[in-house]
PDB file of N, CA and C in Angstrom:
ATOM      1  N   MET A   1     123.259  72.913  78.704  1.00  0.00           N
ATOM      2  CA  MET A   1     123.973  73.795  79.619  1.00  0.00           C
ATOM      3  C   MET A   1     124.681  74.874  78.813  1.00  0.00           C
ATOM      4  N   GLY A   2     124.647  76.299  79.404  1.00  0.00           N
ATOM      5  CA  GLY A   2     125.607  77.414  78.807  1.00  0.00           C
ATOM      6  C   GLY A   2     127.060  77.173  79.173  1.00  0.00           C
ATOM      7  N   LYS A   3     127.831  77.852  78.153  1.00  0.00           N
ATOM      8  CA  LYS A   3     129.360  77.567  78.343  1.00  0.00           C
ATOM      9  C   LYS A   3     129.972  78.078  79.862  1.00  0.00           C
ATOM     10  N   HIS A   4     129.081  79.163  80.172  1.00  0.00           N
ATOM     11  CA  HIS A   4     129.526  79.531  81.679  1.00  0.00           C
ATOM     12  C   HIS A   4     129.404  78.473  82.730  1.00  0.00           C
ATOM     13  N   ASN A   5     128.137  77.855  82.738  1.00  0.00           N
ATOM     14  CA  ASN A   5     127.856  76.633  83.568  1.00  0.00           C
ATOM     15  C   ASN A   5     128.995  75.763  83.224  1.00  0.00           C
ATOM     16  N   GLU A   6     129.330  75.256  82.252  1.00  0.00           N
ATOM     17  CA  GLU A   6     130.293  74.137  81.922  1.00  0.00           C
ATOM     18  C   GLU A   6     131.594  74.669  82.572  1.00  0.00           C
ATOM     19  N   PHE A   7     131.910  75.817  82.336  1.00  0.00           N
ATOM     20  CA  PHE A   7     133.094  76.146  82.788  1.00  0.00           C
ATOM     21  C   PHE A   7     133.226  76.483  84.289  1.00  0.00           C
ATOM     22  N   GLY A   8     132.135  77.017  84.970  1.00  0.00           N
ATOM     23  CA  GLY A   8     132.163  76.870  86.312  1.00  0.00           C
ATOM     24  C   GLY A   8     132.193  75.411  86.988  1.00  0.00           C
ATOM     25  N   ARG A   9     131.645  74.370  86.304  1.00  0.00           N
ATOM     26  CA  ARG A   9     131.707  73.050  86.722  1.00  0.00           C
ATOM     27  C   ARG A   9     133.117  72.484  86.608  1.00  0.00           C
ATOM     28  N   LEU A  10     133.589  73.070  85.472  1.00  0.00           N
ATOM     29  CA  LEU A  10     135.337  72.625  85.356  1.00  0.00           C
ATOM     30  C   LEU A  10     135.936  73.177  86.336  1.00  0.00           C
ATOM     31  N   GLY A  11     135.807  74.472  86.705  1.00  0.00           N
ATOM     32  CA  GLY A  11     136.442  75.065  87.808  1.00  0.00           C
ATOM     33  C   GLY A  11     136.099  74.383  89.029  1.00  0.00           C
ATOM     34  N   GLU A  12     135.002  74.025  89.484  1.00  0.00           N
ATOM     35  CA  GLU A  12     134.677  73.344  90.762  1.00  0.00           C
ATOM     36  C   GLU A  12     135.556  71.920  90.898  1.00  0.00           C
ATOM     37  N   GLN A  13     135.529  71.367  89.610  1.00  0.00           N
ATOM     38  CA  GLN A  13     136.257  69.895  89.580  1.00  0.00           C
ATOM     39  C   GLN A  13     137.782  70.221  89.898  1.00  0.00           C
ATOM     40  N   LYS A  14     138.241  71.364  89.242  1.00  0.00           N
ATOM     41  CA  LYS A  14     139.761  71.928  89.361  1.00  0.00           C
ATOM     42  C   LYS A  14     140.126  71.734  91.169  1.00  0.00           C
ATOM     43  N   ALA A  15     139.132  72.641  91.585  1.00  0.00           N
ATOM     44  CA  ALA A  15     139.218  72.945  92.910  1.00  0.00           C
ATOM     45  C   ALA A  15     139.073  71.643  93.741  1.00  0.00           C
ATOM     46  N   THR A  16     138.159  70.788  93.528  1.00  0.00           N
ATOM     47  CA  THR A  16     137.927  69.562  94.292  1.00  0.00           C
ATOM     48  C   THR A  16     139.457  68.442  94.115  1.00  0.00           C
ATOM     49  N   ASP A  17     139.714  68.721  92.899  1.00  0.00           N
ATOM     50  CA  ASP A  17     140.980  67.859  92.679  1.00  0.00           C
ATOM     51  C   ASP A  17     142.210  68.369  93.566  1.00  0.00           C
ATOM     52  N   PHE A  18     142.190  69.755  93.585  1.00  0.00           N
ATOM     53  CA  PHE A  18     143.316  70.600  94.457  1.00  0.00           C
ATOM     54  C   PHE A  18     143.077  70.286  95.931  1.00  0.00           C
ATOM     55  N   LEU A  19     141.968  70.241  96.381  1.00  0.00           N
ATOM     56  CA  LEU A  19     141.684  70.172  97.760  1.00  0.00           C
ATOM     57  C   LEU A  19     142.062  68.438  98.130  1.00  0.00           C
ATOM     58  N   ILE A  20     141.414  67.522  97.143  1.00  0.00           N
ATOM     59  CA  ILE A  20     142.028  66.180  97.547  1.00  0.00           C
ATOM     60  C   ILE A  20     143.524  66.133  97.833  1.00  0.00           C
ATOM     61  N   LYS A  21     144.298  66.710  96.657  1.00  0.00           N
ATOM     62  CA  LYS A  21     145.715  66.689  96.520  1.00  0.00           C
ATOM     63  C   LYS A  21     146.318  66.957  97.743  1.00  0.00           C
ATOM     64  N   ASN A  22     145.729  68.053  98.387  1.00  0.00           N
ATOM     65  CA  ASN A  22     146.376  68.585  99.617  1.00  0.00           C
ATOM     66  C   ASN A  22     145.655  68.194 100.702  1.00  0.00           C
ATOM     67  N   GLY A  23     145.112  66.875 100.989  1.00  0.00           N
ATOM     68  CA  GLY A  23     144.536  66.237 102.149  1.00  0.00           C
ATOM     69  C   GLY A  23     143.215  66.376 102.415  1.00  0.00           C
ATOM     70  N   TYR A  24     142.375  67.067 101.775  1.00  0.00           N
ATOM     71  CA  TYR A  24     141.011  67.280 102.098  1.00  0.00           C
ATOM     72  C   TYR A  24     140.317  66.012 101.890  1.00  0.00           C
ATOM     73  N   THR A  25     139.233  66.025 102.695  1.00  0.00           N
ATOM     74  CA  THR A  25     138.093  64.741 102.130  1.00  0.00           C
ATOM     75  C   THR A  25     136.952  65.769 101.768  1.00  0.00           C
ATOM     76  N   ILE A  26     136.490  65.164 100.538  1.00  0.00           N
ATOM     77  CA  ILE A  26     135.234  65.982  99.983  1.00  0.00           C
ATOM     78  C   ILE A  26     133.994  65.276 100.693  1.00  0.00           C
ATOM     79  N   CYS A  27     133.305  66.105 101.265  1.00  0.00           N
ATOM     80  CA  CYS A  27     132.046  65.658 101.819  1.00  0.00           C
ATOM     81  C   CYS A  27     130.789  65.580 100.848  1.00  0.00           C
ATOM     82  N   PHE A  28     130.765  66.935 100.233  1.00  0.00           N
ATOM     83  CA  PHE A  28     129.660  67.171  99.421  1.00  0.00           C
ATOM     84  C   PHE A  28     129.891  68.192  98.267  1.00  0.00           C
ATOM     85  N   ARG A  29     129.480  68.029  97.130  1.00  0.00           N
ATOM     86  CA  ARG A  29     129.445  69.044  96.287  1.00  0.00           C
ATOM     87  C   ARG A  29     128.138  69.629  95.761  1.00  0.00           C
ATOM     88  N   ASN A  30     128.097  70.978  95.592  1.00  0.00           N
ATOM     89  CA  ASN A  30     126.716  71.525  95.367  1.00  0.00           C
ATOM     90  C   ASN A  30     125.759  71.370  96.137  1.00  0.00           C
ATOM     91  N   TYR A  31     126.095  71.701  97.643  1.00  0.00           N
ATOM     92  CA  TYR A  31     125.190  71.587  98.579  1.00  0.00           C
ATOM     93  C   TYR A  31     124.237  72.543  98.426  1.00  0.00           C
ATOM     94  N   MET A  32     122.843  71.996  98.537  1.00  0.00           N
ATOM     95  CA  MET A  32     121.678  73.006  98.283  1.00  0.00           C
ATOM     96  C   MET A  32     120.924  73.058  99.530  1.00  0.00           C
ATOM     97  N   TYR A  33     120.559  74.381  99.930  1.00  0.00           N
ATOM     98  CA  TYR A  33     119.765  74.588 100.838  1.00  0.00           C
ATOM     99  C   TYR A  33     118.830  76.099 100.566  1.00  0.00           C
ATOM    100  N   LEU A  34     117.715  75.937 100.398  1.00  0.00           N
ATOM    101  CA  LEU A  34     116.795  76.981 100.026  1.00  0.00           C
ATOM    102  C   LEU A  34     117.432  77.476  98.779  1.00  0.00           C
ATOM    103  N   LYS A  35     117.818  78.870  99.075  1.00  0.00           N
ATOM    104  CA  LYS A  35     118.307  79.653  97.807  1.00  0.00           C
ATOM    105  C   LYS A  35     119.672  79.606  97.809  1.00  0.00           C
ATOM    106  N   ALA A  36     120.413  78.872  98.811  1.00  0.00           N
ATOM    107  CA  ALA A  36     121.915  78.600  98.856  1.00  0.00           C
ATOM    108  C   ALA A  36     122.636  77.606  98.241  1.00  0.00           C
ATOM    109  N   GLU A  37     123.791  77.636  97.968  1.00  0.00           N
ATOM    110  CA  GLU A  37     124.603  76.566  97.298  1.00  0.00           C
ATOM    111  C   GLU A  37     125.807  76.737  97.775  1.00  0.00           C
ATOM    112  N   ILE A  38     126.416  75.749  98.225  1.00  0.00           N
ATOM    113  CA  ILE A  38     127.733  75.455  98.753  1.00  0.00           C
ATOM    114  C   ILE A  38     128.653  74.861  97.528  1.00  0.00           C
ATOM    115  N   ASP A  39     129.482  75.362  96.973  1.00  0.00           N
ATOM    116  CA  ASP A  39     130.186  74.463  95.911  1.00  0.00           C
ATOM    117  C   ASP A  39     130.999  73.176  96.464  1.00  0.00           C
ATOM    118  N   ILE A  40     131.463  73.488  97.412  1.00  0.00           N
ATOM    119  CA  ILE A  40     132.137  72.228  98.200  1.00  0.00           C
ATOM    120  C   ILE A  40     132.165  72.327  99.533  1.00  0.00           C
ATOM    121  N   VAL A  41     131.944  71.148 100.189  1.00  0.00           N
ATOM    122  CA  VAL A  41     131.885  70.927 101.628  1.00  0.00           C
ATOM    123  C   VAL A  41     133.094  69.889 101.663  1.00  0.00           C
ATOM    124  N   ALA A  42     134.000  70.276 102.409  1.00  0.00           N
ATOM    125  CA  ALA A  42     135.156  69.464 102.816  1.00  0.00           C
ATOM    126  C   ALA A  42     135.537  69.425 104.194  1.00  0.00           C
ATOM    127  N   LYS A  43     136.459  68.485 104.457  1.00  0.00           N
ATOM    128  CA  LYS A  43     137.108  68.121 105.906  1.00  0.00           C
ATOM    129  C   LYS A  43     138.438  68.042 105.943  1.00  0.00           C
ATOM    130  N   LYS A  44     139.183  68.610 106.530  1.00  0.00           N
ATOM    131  CA  LYS A  44     140.547  68.479 106.942  1.00  0.00           C
ATOM    132  C   LYS A  44     140.808  68.430 108.610  1.00  0.00           C
ATOM    133  N   GLY A  45     141.217  67.405 108.845  1.00  0.00           N
ATOM    134  CA  GLY A  45     141.568  67.247 110.219  1.00  0.00           C
ATOM    135  C   GLY A  45     140.270  67.237 110.963  1.00  0.00           C
ATOM    136  N   LYS A  46     139.680  68.026 112.047  1.00  0.00           N
ATOM    137  CA  LYS A  46     138.286  68.166 112.670  1.00  0.00           C
ATOM    138  C   LYS A  46     137.778  69.389 112.167  1.00  0.00           C
ATOM    139  N   GLU A  47     138.280  70.013 111.067  1.00  0.00           N
ATOM    140  CA  GLU A  47     137.571  71.238 110.793  1.00  0.00           C
ATOM    141  C   GLU A  47     136.797  70.951 109.505  1.00  0.00           C
ATOM    142  N   LEU A  48     135.541  71.482 109.411  1.00  0.00           N
ATOM    143  CA  LEU A  48     134.678  71.411 108.225  1.00  0.00           C
ATOM    144  C   LEU A  48     134.961  72.799 107.566  1.00  0.00           C
ATOM    145  N   VAL A  49     134.997  72.624 106.236  1.00  0.00           N
ATOM    146  CA  VAL A  49     135.706  73.653 105.323  1.00  0.00           C
ATOM    147  C   VAL A  49     134.508  73.956 104.054  1.00  0.00           C
ATOM    148  N   ILE A  50     134.017  75.213 104.258  1.00  0.00           N
ATOM    149  CA  ILE A  50     133.115  75.367 103.225  1.00  0.00           C
ATOM    150  C   ILE A  50     133.664  76.342 102.190  1.00  0.00           C
ATOM    151  N   VAL A  51     133.722  75.908 100.965  1.00  0.00           N
ATOM    152  CA  VAL A  51     134.594  76.356  99.885  1.00  0.00           C
ATOM    153  C   VAL A  51     133.718  77.021  98.750  1.00  0.00           C
ATOM    154  N   GLU A  52     133.967  78.133  98.537  1.00  0.00           N
ATOM    155  CA  GLU A  52     133.260  78.954  97.208  1.00  0.00           C
ATOM    156  C   GLU A  52     134.375  78.838  96.267  1.00  0.00           C
ATOM    157  N   VAL A  53     134.003  78.437  95.104  1.00  0.00           N
ATOM    158  CA  VAL A  53     134.890  78.575  94.027  1.00  0.00           C
ATOM    159  C   VAL A  53     134.709  79.615  93.123  1.00  0.00           C
ATOM    160  N   LYS A  54     135.472  80.480  92.665  1.00  0.00           N
ATOM    161  CA  LYS A  54     135.323  81.699  91.582  1.00  0.00           C
ATOM    162  C   LYS A  54     136.203  81.216  90.399  1.00  0.00           C
ATOM    163  N   SER A  55     135.638  80.932  89.350  1.00  0.00           N
ATOM    164  CA  SER A  55     136.113  80.663  88.116  1.00  0.00           C
ATOM    165  C   SER A  55     136.262  81.752  86.946  1.00  0.00           C
ATOM    166  N   ARG A  56     137.230  82.244  86.551  1.00  0.00           N
ATOM    167  CA  ARG A  56     137.343  83.196  85.374  1.00  0.00           C
ATOM    168  C   ARG A  56     138.253  82.748  84.128  1.00  0.00           C
ATOM    169  N   THR A  57     137.800  83.048  82.900  1.00  0.00           N
ATOM    170  CA  THR A  57     138.643  82.676  81.898  1.00  0.00           C
ATOM    171  C   THR A  57     139.792  83.693  81.394  1.00  0.00           C
ATOM    172  N   SER A  58     139.578  84.845  82.261  1.00  0.00           N
ATOM    173  CA  SER A  58     140.556  85.970  81.928  1.00  0.00           C
ATOM    174  C   SER A  58     140.865  86.830  83.211  1.00  0.00           C
ATOM    175  N   GLY A  59     141.624  87.613  83.586  1.00  0.00           N
ATOM    176  CA  GLY A  59     141.685  88.620  84.250  1.00  0.00           C
ATOM    177  C   GLY A  59     142.017  88.166  85.623  1.00  0.00           C
ATOM    178  N   PHE A  60     141.518  88.971  86.887  1.00  0.00           N
ATOM    179  CA  PHE A  60     142.132  88.500  88.222  1.00  0.00           C
ATOM    180  C   PHE A  60     141.237  89.152  89.084  1.00  0.00           C
ATOM    181  N   PHE A  61     141.674  88.703  90.383  1.00  0.00           N
ATOM    182  CA  PHE A  61     140.545  89.189  91.638  1.00  0.00           C
ATOM    183  C   PHE A  61     141.652  90.110  92.209  1.00  0.00           C
ATOM    184  N   GLU A  62     141.102  91.193  92.186  1.00  0.00           N
ATOM    185  CA  GLU A  62     141.930  92.215  93.109  1.00  0.00           C
ATOM    186  C   GLU A  62     142.000  91.896  94.481  1.00  0.00           C
ATOM    187  N   ASP A  63     140.694  91.951  94.984  1.00  0.00           N
ATOM    188  CA  ASP A  63     140.406  91.566  96.352  1.00  0.00           C
ATOM    189  C   ASP A  63     139.304  90.735  96.408  1.00  0.00           C
ATOM    190  N   ILE A  64     139.897  89.577  97.044  1.00  0.00           N
ATOM    191  CA  ILE A  64     138.588  88.253  97.276  1.00  0.00           C
ATOM    192  C   ILE A  64     137.253  88.679  97.873  1.00  0.00           C
ATOM    193  N   SER A  65     137.464  89.833  98.911  1.00  0.00           N
ATOM    194  CA  SER A  65     136.231  90.228  99.641  1.00  0.00           C
ATOM    195  C   SER A  65     135.316  90.772  98.419  1.00  0.00           C
ATOM    196  N   GLN A  66     135.667  91.303  97.419  1.00  0.00           N
ATOM    197  CA  GLN A  66     134.890  91.975  96.582  1.00  0.00           C
ATOM    198  C   GLN A  66     134.275  90.968  95.765  1.00  0.00           C
ATOM    199  N   ALA A  67     134.861  89.890  95.726  1.00  0.00           N
ATOM    200  CA  ALA A  67     134.178  88.525  94.774  1.00  0.00           C
ATOM    201  C   ALA A  67     133.008  88.127  95.327  1.00  0.00           C
ATOM    202  N   ILE A  68     132.827  88.131  96.736  1.00  0.00           N
ATOM    203  CA  ILE A  68     131.814  87.459  97.264  1.00  0.00           C
ATOM    204  C   ILE A  68     130.994  88.419  98.427  1.00  0.00           C
ATOM    205  N   PRO A  69     129.899  88.859  97.708  1.00  0.00           N
ATOM    206  CA  PRO A  69     128.993  90.016  98.510  1.00  0.00           C
ATOM    207  C   PRO A  69     128.578  89.493  99.801  1.00  0.00           C
ATOM    208  N   ALA A  70     128.068  90.490 100.569  1.00  0.00           N
ATOM    209  CA  ALA A  70     127.624  90.136 101.914  1.00  0.00           C
ATOM    210  C   ALA A  70     126.293  89.015 101.976  1.00  0.00           C
ATOM    211  N   LYS A  71     125.268  89.327 100.789  1.00  0.00           N
ATOM    212  CA  LYS A  71     124.274  88.563 100.774  1.00  0.00           C
ATOM    213  C   LYS A  71     124.681  87.120 100.353  1.00  0.00           C
ATOM    214  N   LYS A  72     125.909  86.931  99.648  1.00  0.00           N
ATOM    215  CA  LYS A  72     126.237  85.400  99.395  1.00  0.00           C
ATOM    216  C   LYS A  72     126.812  84.972 100.480  1.00  0.00           C
ATOM    217  N   ILE A  73     127.588  85.803 101.267  1.00  0.00           N
ATOM    218  CA  ILE A  73     127.974  85.141 102.852  1.00  0.00           C
ATOM    219  C   ILE A  73     126.999  84.676 103.587  1.00  0.00           C
ATOM    220  N   LYS A  74     126.026  85.636 103.596  1.00  0.00           N
ATOM    221  CA  LYS A  74     124.710  85.268 104.477  1.00  0.00           C
ATOM    222  C   LYS A  74     124.236  83.811 104.160  1.00  0.00           C
ATOM    223  N   LEU A  75     123.829  83.856 102.809  1.00  0.00           N
ATOM    224  CA  LEU A  75     123.714  82.358 102.215  1.00  0.00           C
ATOM    225  C   LEU A  75     124.258  81.318 102.489  1.00  0.00           C
ATOM    226  N   LEU A  76     125.766  81.423 102.327  1.00  0.00           N
ATOM    227  CA  LEU A  76     126.768  80.239 102.647  1.00  0.00           C
ATOM    228  C   LEU A  76     126.498  79.871 104.004  1.00  0.00           C
ATOM    229  N   VAL A  77     126.352  81.002 104.901  1.00  0.00           N
ATOM    230  CA  VAL A  77     126.508  80.805 106.441  1.00  0.00           C
ATOM    231  C   VAL A  77     125.087  80.004 106.548  1.00  0.00           C
ATOM    232  N   MET A  78     124.100  80.420 106.030  1.00  0.00           N
ATOM    233  CA  MET A  78     122.746  79.561 106.516  1.00  0.00           C
ATOM    234  C   MET A  78     122.899  78.249 105.946  1.00  0.00           C
ATOM    235  N   ALA A  79     123.260  77.947 104.798  1.00  0.00           N
ATOM    236  CA  ALA A  79     123.435  76.502 104.316  1.00  0.00           C
ATOM    237  C   ALA A  79     124.596  75.886 105.045  1.00  0.00           C
ATOM    238  N   ALA A  80     125.651  76.366 105.392  1.00  0.00           N
ATOM    239  CA  ALA A  80     126.572  75.785 106.294  1.00  0.00           C
ATOM    240  C   ALA A  80     125.907  75.314 107.630  1.00  0.00           C
ATOM    241  N   ASP A  81     125.258  76.215 108.249  1.00  0.00           N
ATOM    242  CA  ASP A  81     124.386  75.844 109.435  1.00  0.00           C
ATOM    243  C   ASP A  81     123.514  74.809 109.205  1.00  0.00           C
ATOM    244  N   HIS A  82     122.703  74.594 108.144  1.00  0.00           N
ATOM    245  CA  HIS A  82     121.622  73.537 107.966  1.00  0.00           C
ATOM    246  C   HIS A  82     122.580  72.289 107.702  1.00  0.00           C
ATOM    247  N   TYR A  83     123.806  72.262 106.922  1.00  0.00           N
ATOM    248  CA  TYR A  83     124.449  71.017 106.560  1.00  0.00           C
ATOM    249  C   TYR A  83     124.957  70.530 107.958  1.00  0.00           C
ATOM    250  N   ILE A  84     125.497  71.393 108.955  1.00  0.00           N
ATOM    251  CA  ILE A  84     125.813  71.112 110.122  1.00  0.00           C
ATOM    252  C   ILE A  84     124.826  70.340 110.944  1.00  0.00           C
ATOM    253  N   GLU A  85     123.785  71.146 110.964  1.00  0.00           N
ATOM    254  CA  GLU A  85     122.446  70.510 112.029  1.00  0.00           C
ATOM    255  C   GLU A  85     121.993  69.308 111.329  1.00  0.00           C
ATOM    256  N   ASP A  86     121.986  69.445 109.873  1.00  0.00           N
ATOM    257  CA  ASP A  86     121.176  67.993 109.357  1.00  0.00           C
ATOM    258  C   ASP A  86     122.075  66.897 109.265  1.00  0.00           C
ATOM    259  N   ASN A  87     123.508  66.925 109.594  1.00  0.00           N
ATOM    260  CA  ASN A  87     124.445  65.955 109.788  1.00  0.00           C
ATOM    261  C   ASN A  87     124.901  65.746 111.442  1.00  0.00           C
ATOM    262  N   ASN A  88     124.107  66.401 112.227  1.00  0.00           N
ATOM    263  CA  ASN A  88     124.385  66.399 113.453  1.00  0.00           C
ATOM    264  C   ASN A  88     126.038  66.396 113.706  1.00  0.00           C
ATOM    265  N   LEU A  89     126.441  67.355 113.367  1.00  0.00           N
ATOM    266  CA  LEU A  89     128.103  67.393 113.521  1.00  0.00           C
ATOM    267  C   LEU A  89     128.449  68.686 114.742  1.00  0.00           C
ATOM    268  N   ASP A  90     129.711  68.316 115.182  1.00  0.00           N
ATOM    269  CA  ASP A  90     130.143  69.193 116.264  1.00  0.00           C
ATOM    270  C   ASP A  90     131.547  69.482 115.770  1.00  0.00           C
ATOM    271  N   VAL A  91     131.660  70.619 115.067  1.00  0.00           N
ATOM    272  CA  VAL A  91     132.962  71.137 114.382  1.00  0.00           C
ATOM    273  C   VAL A  91     133.260  72.220 114.213  1.00  0.00           C
ATOM    274  N   GLU A  92     134.444  72.497 114.123  1.00  0.00           N
ATOM    275  CA  GLU A  92     134.738  73.898 113.695  1.00  0.00           C
ATOM    276  C   GLU A  92     134.626  74.204 112.388  1.00  0.00           C
ATOM    277  N   VAL A  93     134.256  75.500 112.151  1.00  0.00           N
ATOM    278  CA  VAL A  93     134.070  75.538 110.525  1.00  0.00           C
ATOM    279  C   VAL A  93     135.035  76.907 110.017  1.00  0.00           C
ATOM    280  N   ARG A  94     135.330  76.773 108.934  1.00  0.00           N
ATOM    281  CA  ARG A  94     136.001  78.017 108.276  1.00  0.00           C
ATOM    282  C   ARG A  94     135.519  78.088 106.717  1.00  0.00           C
ATOM    283  N   PHE A  95     135.497  79.277 106.143  1.00  0.00           N
ATOM    284  CA  PHE A  95     135.039  79.553 105.163  1.00  0.00           C
ATOM    285  C   PHE A  95     136.220  79.952 104.073  1.00  0.00           C
ATOM    286  N   ASP A  96     136.423  78.954 103.045  1.00  0.00           N
ATOM    287  CA  ASP A  96     137.640  79.402 102.137  1.00  0.00           C
ATOM    288  C   ASP A  96     137.058  79.656 100.732  1.00  0.00           C
ATOM    289  N   VAL A  97     137.983  80.325 100.078  1.00  0.00           N
ATOM    290  CA  VAL A  97     137.684  80.626  98.562  1.00  0.00           C
ATOM    291  C   VAL A  97     138.810  80.237  97.864  1.00  0.00           C
ATOM    292  N   ILE A  98     138.357  79.410  96.759  1.00  0.00           N
ATOM    293  CA  ILE A  98     139.502  78.972  95.826  1.00  0.00           C
ATOM    294  C   ILE A  98     139.217  79.924  94.439  1.00  0.00           C
ATOM    295  N   THR A  99     140.204  80.504  94.019  1.00  0.00           N
ATOM    296  CA  THR A  99     140.126  81.090  92.581  1.00  0.00           C
ATOM    297  C   THR A  99     140.506  80.554  91.453  1.00  0.00           C
ATOM    298  N   VAL A 100     139.833  80.162  90.404  1.00  0.00           N
ATOM    299  CA  VAL A 100     140.406  79.131  89.466  1.00  0.00           C
ATOM    300  C   VAL A 100     140.340  80.259  87.965  1.00  0.00           C
ATOM    301  N   ILE A 101     141.715  80.324  87.469  1.00  0.00           N
ATOM    302  CA  ILE A 101     141.780  81.545  86.391  1.00  0.00           C
ATOM    303  C   ILE A 101     142.445  80.648  85.372  1.00  0.00           C
ATOM    304  N   LYS A 102     141.722  80.573  84.119  1.00  0.00           N
ATOM    305  CA  LYS A 102     142.290  79.825  82.883  1.00  0.00           C
ATOM    306  C   LYS A 102     143.118  80.853  82.234  1.00  0.00           C
ATOM    307  N   LYS A 103     144.218  80.493  81.883  1.00  0.00           N
ATOM    308  CA  LYS A 103     144.987  81.413  80.896  1.00  0.00           C
ATOM    309  C   LYS A 103     145.465  80.448  80.118  1.00  0.00           C
ATOM    310  N   GLY A 104     144.945  80.681  78.738  1.00  0.00           N
ATOM    311  CA  GLY A 104     145.094  79.731  77.484  1.00  0.00           C
ATOM    312  C   GLY A 104     144.830  78.114  78.007  1.00  0.00           C
ATOM    313  N   GLU A 105     145.767  77.176  78.011  1.00  0.00           N
ATOM    314  CA  GLU A 105     145.397  75.990  78.386  1.00  0.00           C
ATOM    315  C   GLU A 105     145.827  75.575  79.747  1.00  0.00           C
ATOM    316  N   VAL A 106     146.415  76.505  80.681  1.00  0.00           N
ATOM    317  CA  VAL A 106     146.610  76.397  81.877  1.00  0.00           C
ATOM    318  C   VAL A 106     145.800  77.111  82.825  1.00  0.00           C
ATOM    319  N   PHE A 107     145.623  76.156  84.058  1.00  0.00           N
ATOM    320  CA  PHE A 107     144.647  76.625  85.225  1.00  0.00           C
ATOM    321  C   PHE A 107     145.435  77.211  86.222  1.00  0.00           C
ATOM    322  N   GLU A 108     145.359  78.494  86.810  1.00  0.00           N
ATOM    323  CA  GLU A 108     145.898  78.995  88.072  1.00  0.00           C
ATOM    324  C   GLU A 108     144.951  78.843  89.109  1.00  0.00           C
ATOM    325  N   LEU A 109     145.249  78.214  90.207  1.00  0.00           N
ATOM    326  CA  LEU A 109     144.407  78.069  91.476  1.00  0.00           C
ATOM    327  C   LEU A 109     144.936  78.717  92.556  1.00  0.00           C
ATOM    328  N   GLU A 110     144.283  79.605  93.338  1.00  0.00           N
ATOM    329  CA  GLU A 110     144.758  80.418  94.579  1.00  0.00           C
ATOM    330  C   GLU A 110     143.692  79.935  95.541  1.00  0.00           C
ATOM    331  N   HIS A 111     144.189  79.458  96.670  1.00  0.00           N
ATOM    332  CA  HIS A 111     143.324  78.887  97.740  1.00  0.00           C
ATOM    333  C   HIS A 111     143.569  80.093  98.931  1.00  0.00           C
ATOM    334  N   VAL A 112     142.406  80.593  99.199  1.00  0.00           N
ATOM    335  CA  VAL A 112     142.328  81.633 100.231  1.00  0.00           C
ATOM    336  C   VAL A 112     141.667  80.925 101.473  1.00  0.00           C
ATOM    337  N   GLU A 113     142.360  80.540 102.769  1.00  0.00           N
ATOM    338  CA  GLU A 113     141.711  79.914 103.687  1.00  0.00           C
ATOM    339  C   GLU A 113     141.285  81.147 104.562  1.00  0.00           C
ATOM    340  N   ASN A 114     140.143  80.787 105.402  1.00  0.00           N
ATOM    341  CA  ASN A 114     139.539  81.874 106.143  1.00  0.00           C
ATOM    342  C   ASN A 114     139.310  83.083 105.331  1.00  0.00           C
ATOM    343  N   ALA A 115     138.957  82.987 104.368  1.00  0.00           N
ATOM    344  CA  ALA A 115     138.418  84.212 103.418  1.00  0.00           C
ATOM    345  C   ALA A 115     137.589  85.231 103.979  1.00  0.00           C
ATOM    346  N   PHE A 116     136.594  84.610 104.633  1.00  0.00           N
ATOM    347  CA  PHE A 116     135.697  85.548 105.498  1.00  0.00           C
ATOM    348  C   PHE A 116     135.199  85.063 106.779  1.00  0.00           C
ATOM    349  N   TYR A 117     134.708  85.769 107.398  1.00  0.00           N
ATOM    350  CA  TYR A 117     134.169  85.214 108.668  1.00  0.00           C
ATOM    351  C   TYR A 117     132.542  85.354 108.791  1.00  0.00           C
ATOM    352  N   HIS A 118     132.043  84.409 109.331  1.00  0.00           N
ATOM    353  CA  HIS A 118     130.652  84.332 109.301  1.00  0.00           C
ATOM    354  C   HIS A 118     130.212  85.414 110.476  1.00  0.00           C
ATOM    355  N   PHE A 119     128.992  85.845 110.264  1.00  0.00           N
ATOM    356  CA  PHE A 119     128.551  86.759 111.507  1.00  0.00           C
ATOM    357  C   PHE A 119     127.193  86.562 111.900  1.00  0.00           C
TER     358      PHE A 119
END
């Protein structure tokens, strides 16, 4: 596994730990449907939360909307729809992004709720 893949998995684990600490239940990690992958499927209250994790070893995200292109959003929506249908759920859904930036030995996380809307 390449170092970037290992770091991506570490970022997803940091995001998962953050969500659990903040009262979310993790339903699934790395949910695959066709060409789409949802990093984390979580639940908080009656809401299903689809979480995209963006990890970097340096730098920052100026605008979270720049980090997730329209094509990726379409894939996430398609995979979320499949997850909901496959599990026979009747829930409200929101799409969040968690950015994980490693600065030295420290990880900084930012959780953006409702980062984008499905269309």
